[in-house]
Amino acid sequence: MEPSMEYCLAQVLQKDVGKRLQVGQELIDYFSDKQKSADLEHDQTMLDKMVDGLATSWVNSSNYKVR
C-alpha cells in the first residue's frame, strides 16, 4: 500500500515518539517522489496541516531525535 497524504498526516500527528522516529524516512520518500505525492499540489489544506503538524509536533519536540 502506497502512503497517502492522510496516512502521512496521521503519522506526523501521533504521540508515540518511537513511531514518529520510524516514519521519518517514509515521509522523506513520500515527499521526494513526485508520483506518490502528486496530491500535495491539489490539497493545500492538507499540506498546511502537514506543515503545521511537523512544526508543532516534531520541531518543538523535547526529544532530540525527533527534532
PDB file of N, CA and C in Angstrom:
ATOM      1  N   MET A   1       0.838  -1.182   0.000  1.00  0.00           N
ATOM      2  CA  MET A   1       0.000   0.000   0.000  1.00  0.00           C
ATOM      3  C   MET A   1       0.883   1.246   0.000  1.00  0.00           C
ATOM      4  N   GLU A   2       0.645   2.119  -0.944  1.00  0.00           N
ATOM      5  CA  GLU A   2       1.381   3.376  -1.020  1.00  0.00           C
ATOM      6  C   GLU A   2       0.816   4.354   0.005  1.00  0.00           C
ATOM      7  N   PRO A   3       1.690   5.089   0.681  1.00  0.00           N
ATOM      8  CA  PRO A   3       1.175   6.072   1.640  1.00  0.00           C
ATOM      9  C   PRO A   3       0.432   7.199   0.943  1.00  0.00           C
ATOM     10  N   SER A   4      -0.588   7.692   1.595  1.00  0.00           N
ATOM     11  CA  SER A   4      -1.349   8.825   1.077  1.00  0.00           C
ATOM     12  C   SER A   4      -1.079  10.024   1.977  1.00  0.00           C
ATOM     13  N   MET A   5      -1.581  11.167   1.568  1.00  0.00           N
ATOM     14  CA  MET A   5      -1.411  12.372   2.361  1.00  0.00           C
ATOM     15  C   MET A   5      -2.083  12.212   3.724  1.00  0.00           C
ATOM     16  N   GLU A   6      -3.248  11.574   3.764  1.00  0.00           N
ATOM     17  CA  GLU A   6      -3.957  11.361   5.022  1.00  0.00           C
ATOM     18  C   GLU A   6      -3.148  10.466   5.954  1.00  0.00           C
ATOM     19  N   TYR A   7      -2.560   9.407   5.398  1.00  0.00           N
ATOM     20  CA  TYR A   7      -1.730   8.499   6.186  1.00  0.00           C
ATOM     21  C   TYR A   7      -0.525   9.242   6.760  1.00  0.00           C
ATOM     22  N   CYS A   8       0.141  10.030   5.934  1.00  0.00           N
ATOM     23  CA  CYS A   8       1.324  10.764   6.384  1.00  0.00           C
ATOM     24  C   CYS A   8       0.971  11.758   7.478  1.00  0.00           C
ATOM     25  N   LEU A   9      -0.152  12.446   7.330  1.00  0.00           N
ATOM     26  CA  LEU A   9      -0.587  13.399   8.343  1.00  0.00           C
ATOM     27  C   LEU A   9      -0.861  12.682   9.664  1.00  0.00           C
ATOM     28  N   ALA A  10      -1.509  11.539   9.587  1.00  0.00           N
ATOM     29  CA  ALA A  10      -1.784  10.768  10.802  1.00  0.00           C
ATOM     30  C   ALA A  10      -0.483  10.350  11.485  1.00  0.00           C
ATOM     31  N   GLN A  11       0.523   9.993  10.706  1.00  0.00           N
ATOM     32  CA  GLN A  11       1.813   9.605  11.270  1.00  0.00           C
ATOM     33  C   GLN A  11       2.514  10.787  11.932  1.00  0.00           C
ATOM     34  N   VAL A  12       2.407  11.942  11.323  1.00  0.00           N
ATOM     35  CA  VAL A  12       3.033  13.150  11.868  1.00  0.00           C
ATOM     36  C   VAL A  12       2.392  13.543  13.199  1.00  0.00           C
ATOM     37  N   LEU A  13       1.090  13.406  13.309  1.00  0.00           N
ATOM     38  CA  LEU A  13       0.362  13.876  14.480  1.00  0.00           C
ATOM     39  C   LEU A  13       0.309  12.884  15.637  1.00  0.00           C
ATOM     40  N   GLN A  14       0.788  11.665  15.440  1.00  0.00           N
ATOM     41  CA  GLN A  14       0.709  10.696  16.521  1.00  0.00           C
ATOM     42  C   GLN A  14       1.639  11.065  17.676  1.00  0.00           C
ATOM     43  N   LYS A  15       1.299  10.603  18.859  1.00  0.00           N
ATOM     44  CA  LYS A  15       2.031  10.958  20.075  1.00  0.00           C
ATOM     45  C   LYS A  15       3.213  10.043  20.358  1.00  0.00           C
ATOM     46  N   ASP A  16       3.187   8.821  19.854  1.00  0.00           N
ATOM     47  CA  ASP A  16       4.228   7.834  20.132  1.00  0.00           C
ATOM     48  C   ASP A  16       5.544   8.236  19.469  1.00  0.00           C
ATOM     49  N   VAL A  17       6.549   8.559  20.280  1.00  0.00           N
ATOM     50  CA  VAL A  17       7.839   9.028  19.770  1.00  0.00           C
ATOM     51  C   VAL A  17       8.517   7.950  18.934  1.00  0.00           C
ATOM     52  N   GLY A  18       8.433   6.718  19.359  1.00  0.00           N
ATOM     53  CA  GLY A  18       9.059   5.626  18.618  1.00  0.00           C
ATOM     54  C   GLY A  18       8.511   5.500  17.206  1.00  0.00           C
ATOM     55  N   LYS A  19       7.205   5.633  17.077  1.00  0.00           N
ATOM     56  CA  LYS A  19       6.584   5.547  15.751  1.00  0.00           C
ATOM     57  C   LYS A  19       6.938   6.755  14.901  1.00  0.00           C
ATOM     58  N   ARG A  20       7.046   7.933  15.528  1.00  0.00           N
ATOM     59  CA  ARG A  20       7.436   9.127  14.769  1.00  0.00           C
ATOM     60  C   ARG A  20       8.859   8.972  14.226  1.00  0.00           C
ATOM     61  N   LEU A  21       9.729   8.362  15.017  1.00  0.00           N
ATOM     62  CA  LEU A  21      11.099   8.142  14.548  1.00  0.00           C
ATOM     63  C   LEU A  21      11.125   7.179  13.367  1.00  0.00           C
ATOM     64  N   GLN A  22      10.299   6.167  13.395  1.00  0.00           N
ATOM     65  CA  GLN A  22      10.266   5.172  12.330  1.00  0.00           C
ATOM     66  C   GLN A  22       9.702   5.727  11.030  1.00  0.00           C
ATOM     67  N   VAL A  23       8.776   6.647  11.120  1.00  0.00           N
ATOM     68  CA  VAL A  23       8.083   7.122   9.927  1.00  0.00           C
ATOM     69  C   VAL A  23       8.859   8.231   9.211  1.00  0.00           C
ATOM     70  N   GLY A  24       9.895   8.759   9.809  1.00  0.00           N
ATOM     71  CA  GLY A  24      10.657   9.852   9.206  1.00  0.00           C
ATOM     72  C   GLY A  24      11.135   9.559   7.794  1.00  0.00           C
ATOM     73  N   GLN A  25      11.762   8.414   7.586  1.00  0.00           N
ATOM     74  CA  GLN A  25      12.268   8.056   6.255  1.00  0.00           C
ATOM     75  C   GLN A  25      11.123   7.834   5.278  1.00  0.00           C
ATOM     76  N   GLU A  26      10.043   7.288   5.765  1.00  0.00           N
ATOM     77  CA  GLU A  26       8.864   7.078   4.920  1.00  0.00           C
ATOM     78  C   GLU A  26       8.314   8.415   4.419  1.00  0.00           C
ATOM     79  N   LEU A  27       8.295   9.424   5.277  1.00  0.00           N
ATOM     80  CA  LEU A  27       7.839  10.751   4.877  1.00  0.00           C
ATOM     81  C   LEU A  27       8.786  11.379   3.854  1.00  0.00           C
ATOM     82  N   ILE A  28      10.073  11.224   4.070  1.00  0.00           N
ATOM     83  CA  ILE A  28      11.053  11.754   3.119  1.00  0.00           C
ATOM     84  C   ILE A  28      10.859  11.110   1.752  1.00  0.00           C
ATOM     85  N   ASP A  29      10.695   9.801   1.729  1.00  0.00           N
ATOM     86  CA  ASP A  29      10.473   9.096   0.466  1.00  0.00           C
ATOM     87  C   ASP A  29       9.192   9.567  -0.212  1.00  0.00           C
ATOM     88  N   TYR A  30       8.142   9.768   0.571  1.00  0.00           N
ATOM     89  CA  TYR A  30       6.850  10.204   0.030  1.00  0.00           C
ATOM     90  C   TYR A  30       6.976  11.587  -0.604  1.00  0.00           C
ATOM     91  N   PHE A  31       7.592  12.520   0.115  1.00  0.00           N
ATOM     92  CA  PHE A  31       7.721  13.884  -0.390  1.00  0.00           C
ATOM     93  C   PHE A  31       8.686  13.989  -1.563  1.00  0.00           C
ATOM     94  N   SER A  32       9.656  13.093  -1.629  1.00  0.00           N
ATOM     95  CA  SER A  32      10.660  13.136  -2.698  1.00  0.00           C
ATOM     96  C   SER A  32      10.144  12.585  -4.023  1.00  0.00           C
ATOM     97  N   ASP A  33       9.179  11.699  -3.981  1.00  0.00           N
ATOM     98  CA  ASP A  33       8.651  11.063  -5.183  1.00  0.00           C
ATOM     99  C   ASP A  33       7.437  11.847  -5.686  1.00  0.00           C
ATOM    100  N   LYS A  34       7.587  12.513  -6.800  1.00  0.00           N
ATOM    101  CA  LYS A  34       6.505  13.355  -7.335  1.00  0.00           C
ATOM    102  C   LYS A  34       5.257  12.553  -7.685  1.00  0.00           C
ATOM    103  N   GLN A  35       5.411  11.297  -8.084  1.00  0.00           N
ATOM    104  CA  GLN A  35       4.239  10.486  -8.410  1.00  0.00           C
ATOM    105  C   GLN A  35       3.457  10.122  -7.148  1.00  0.00           C
ATOM    106  N   LYS A  36       4.162   9.775  -6.071  1.00  0.00           N
ATOM    107  CA  LYS A  36       3.485   9.422  -4.830  1.00  0.00           C
ATOM    108  C   LYS A  36       2.829  10.629  -4.182  1.00  0.00           C
ATOM    109  N   SER A  37       3.478  11.773  -4.285  1.00  0.00           N
ATOM    110  CA  SER A  37       2.997  12.961  -3.576  1.00  0.00           C
ATOM    111  C   SER A  37       2.291  13.954  -4.497  1.00  0.00           C
ATOM    112  N   ALA A  38       1.723  13.473  -5.569  1.00  0.00           N
ATOM    113  CA  ALA A  38       1.030  14.358  -6.515  1.00  0.00           C
ATOM    114  C   ALA A  38      -0.133  15.090  -5.858  1.00  0.00           C
ATOM    115  N   ASP A  39      -0.730  14.483  -4.835  1.00  0.00           N
ATOM    116  CA  ASP A  39      -1.868  15.122  -4.173  1.00  0.00           C
ATOM    117  C   ASP A  39      -1.472  16.333  -3.333  1.00  0.00           C
ATOM    118  N   LEU A  40      -0.180  16.539  -3.118  1.00  0.00           N
ATOM    119  CA  LEU A  40       0.274  17.717  -2.365  1.00  0.00           C
ATOM    120  C   LEU A  40      -0.116  19.018  -3.054  1.00  0.00           C
ATOM    121  N   GLU A  41      -0.018  19.037  -4.358  1.00  0.00           N
ATOM    122  CA  GLU A  41      -0.312  20.250  -5.114  1.00  0.00           C
ATOM    123  C   GLU A  41      -1.806  20.542  -5.178  1.00  0.00           C
ATOM    124  N   HIS A  42      -2.624  19.537  -4.993  1.00  0.00           N
ATOM    125  CA  HIS A  42      -4.067  19.693  -5.168  1.00  0.00           C
ATOM    126  C   HIS A  42      -4.813  19.947  -3.865  1.00  0.00           C
ATOM    127  N   ASP A  43      -4.209  19.651  -2.753  1.00  0.00           N
ATOM    128  CA  ASP A  43      -4.904  19.782  -1.471  1.00  0.00           C
ATOM    129  C   ASP A  43      -4.096  20.679  -0.538  1.00  0.00           C
ATOM    130  N   GLN A  44      -4.247  21.983  -0.713  1.00  0.00           N
ATOM    131  CA  GLN A  44      -3.481  22.958   0.067  1.00  0.00           C
ATOM    132  C   GLN A  44      -3.807  22.873   1.558  1.00  0.00           C
ATOM    133  N   THR A  45      -5.047  22.587   1.892  1.00  0.00           N
ATOM    134  CA  THR A  45      -5.437  22.485   3.294  1.00  0.00           C
ATOM    135  C   THR A  45      -4.699  21.345   3.973  1.00  0.00           C
ATOM    136  N   MET A  46      -4.622  20.198   3.314  1.00  0.00           N
ATOM    137  CA  MET A  46      -3.928  19.050   3.882  1.00  0.00           C
ATOM    138  C   MET A  46      -2.434  19.341   4.005  1.00  0.00           C
ATOM    139  N   LEU A  47      -1.876  20.004   3.024  1.00  0.00           N
ATOM    140  CA  LEU A  47      -0.462  20.377   3.075  1.00  0.00           C
ATOM    141  C   LEU A  47      -0.201  21.329   4.236  1.00  0.00           C
ATOM    142  N   ASP A  48      -1.087  22.291   4.443  1.00  0.00           N
ATOM    143  CA  ASP A  48      -0.954  23.217   5.573  1.00  0.00           C
ATOM    144  C   ASP A  48      -0.995  22.474   6.905  1.00  0.00           C
ATOM    145  N   LYS A  49      -1.897  21.502   7.020  1.00  0.00           N
ATOM    146  CA  LYS A  49      -1.979  20.702   8.243  1.00  0.00           C
ATOM    147  C   LYS A  49      -0.701  19.900   8.454  1.00  0.00           C
ATOM    148  N   MET A  50      -0.141  19.372   7.358  1.00  0.00           N
ATOM    149  CA  MET A  50       1.085  18.597   7.444  1.00  0.00           C
ATOM    150  C   MET A  50       2.241  19.465   7.944  1.00  0.00           C
ATOM    151  N   VAL A  51       2.398  20.640   7.364  1.00  0.00           N
ATOM    152  CA  VAL A  51       3.479  21.538   7.769  1.00  0.00           C
ATOM    153  C   VAL A  51       3.289  21.983   9.214  1.00  0.00           C
ATOM    154  N   ASP A  52       2.060  22.316   9.579  1.00  0.00           N
ATOM    155  CA  ASP A  52       1.770  22.720  10.952  1.00  0.00           C
ATOM    156  C   ASP A  52       2.064  21.577  11.924  1.00  0.00           C
ATOM    157  N   GLY A  53       1.678  20.369  11.557  1.00  0.00           N
ATOM    158  CA  GLY A  53       1.941  19.208  12.402  1.00  0.00           C
ATOM    159  C   GLY A  53       3.422  18.950  12.576  1.00  0.00           C
ATOM    160  N   LEU A  54       4.166  19.075  11.492  1.00  0.00           N
ATOM    161  CA  LEU A  54       5.616  18.894  11.592  1.00  0.00           C
ATOM    162  C   LEU A  54       6.247  19.965  12.473  1.00  0.00           C
ATOM    163  N   ALA A  55       5.801  21.198  12.320  1.00  0.00           N
ATOM    164  CA  ALA A  55       6.364  22.299  13.100  1.00  0.00           C
ATOM    165  C   ALA A  55       6.036  22.164  14.582  1.00  0.00           C
ATOM    166  N   THR A  56       4.803  21.828  14.901  1.00  0.00           N
ATOM    167  CA  THR A  56       4.419  21.778  16.311  1.00  0.00           C
ATOM    168  C   THR A  56       4.785  20.462  16.977  1.00  0.00           C
ATOM    169  N   SER A  57       4.622  19.350  16.273  1.00  0.00           N
ATOM    170  CA  SER A  57       4.853  18.048  16.890  1.00  0.00           C
ATOM    171  C   SER A  57       6.299  17.588  16.826  1.00  0.00           C
ATOM    172  N   TRP A  58       7.006  17.964  15.782  1.00  0.00           N
ATOM    173  CA  TRP A  58       8.356  17.439  15.610  1.00  0.00           C
ATOM    174  C   TRP A  58       9.428  18.467  15.929  1.00  0.00           C
ATOM    175  N   VAL A  59       9.335  19.635  15.346  1.00  0.00           N
ATOM    176  CA  VAL A  59      10.376  20.643  15.550  1.00  0.00           C
ATOM    177  C   VAL A  59      10.411  21.103  17.004  1.00  0.00           C
ATOM    178  N   ASN A  60       9.259  21.226  17.620  1.00  0.00           N
ATOM    179  CA  ASN A  60       9.189  21.672  19.007  1.00  0.00           C
ATOM    180  C   ASN A  60       9.214  20.516  20.003  1.00  0.00           C
ATOM    181  N   SER A  61       9.528  19.325  19.542  1.00  0.00           N
ATOM    182  CA  SER A  61       9.559  18.156  20.413  1.00  0.00           C
ATOM    183  C   SER A  61      10.707  18.248  21.419  1.00  0.00           C
ATOM    184  N   SER A  62      10.477  17.719  22.606  1.00  0.00           N
ATOM    185  CA  SER A  62      11.540  17.691  23.609  1.00  0.00           C
ATOM    186  C   SER A  62      12.524  16.553  23.339  1.00  0.00           C
ATOM    187  N   ASN A  63      12.171  15.628  22.448  1.00  0.00           N
ATOM    188  CA  ASN A  63      13.064  14.527  22.107  1.00  0.00           C
ATOM    189  C   ASN A  63      13.992  14.962  20.980  1.00  0.00           C
ATOM    190  N   TYR A  64      15.293  14.960  21.232  1.00  0.00           N
ATOM    191  CA  TYR A  64      16.248  15.457  20.245  1.00  0.00           C
ATOM    192  C   TYR A  64      16.279  14.611  18.979  1.00  0.00           C
ATOM    193  N   LYS A  65      15.949  13.352  19.055  1.00  0.00           N
ATOM    194  CA  LYS A  65      15.956  12.503  17.868  1.00  0.00           C
ATOM    195  C   LYS A  65      14.797  12.849  16.930  1.00  0.00           C
ATOM    196  N   VAL A  66      13.679  13.237  17.481  1.00  0.00           N
ATOM    197  CA  VAL A  66      12.526  13.621  16.673  1.00  0.00           C
ATOM    198  C   VAL A  66      12.786  14.968  16.027  1.00  0.00           C
ATOM    199  N   ARG A  67      13.382  15.904  16.777  1.00  0.00           N
ATOM    200  CA  ARG A  67      13.691  17.221  16.237  1.00  0.00           C
ATOM    201  C   ARG A  67      14.637  17.081  15.103  1.00  0.00           C
TER     202      ARG A  67
END
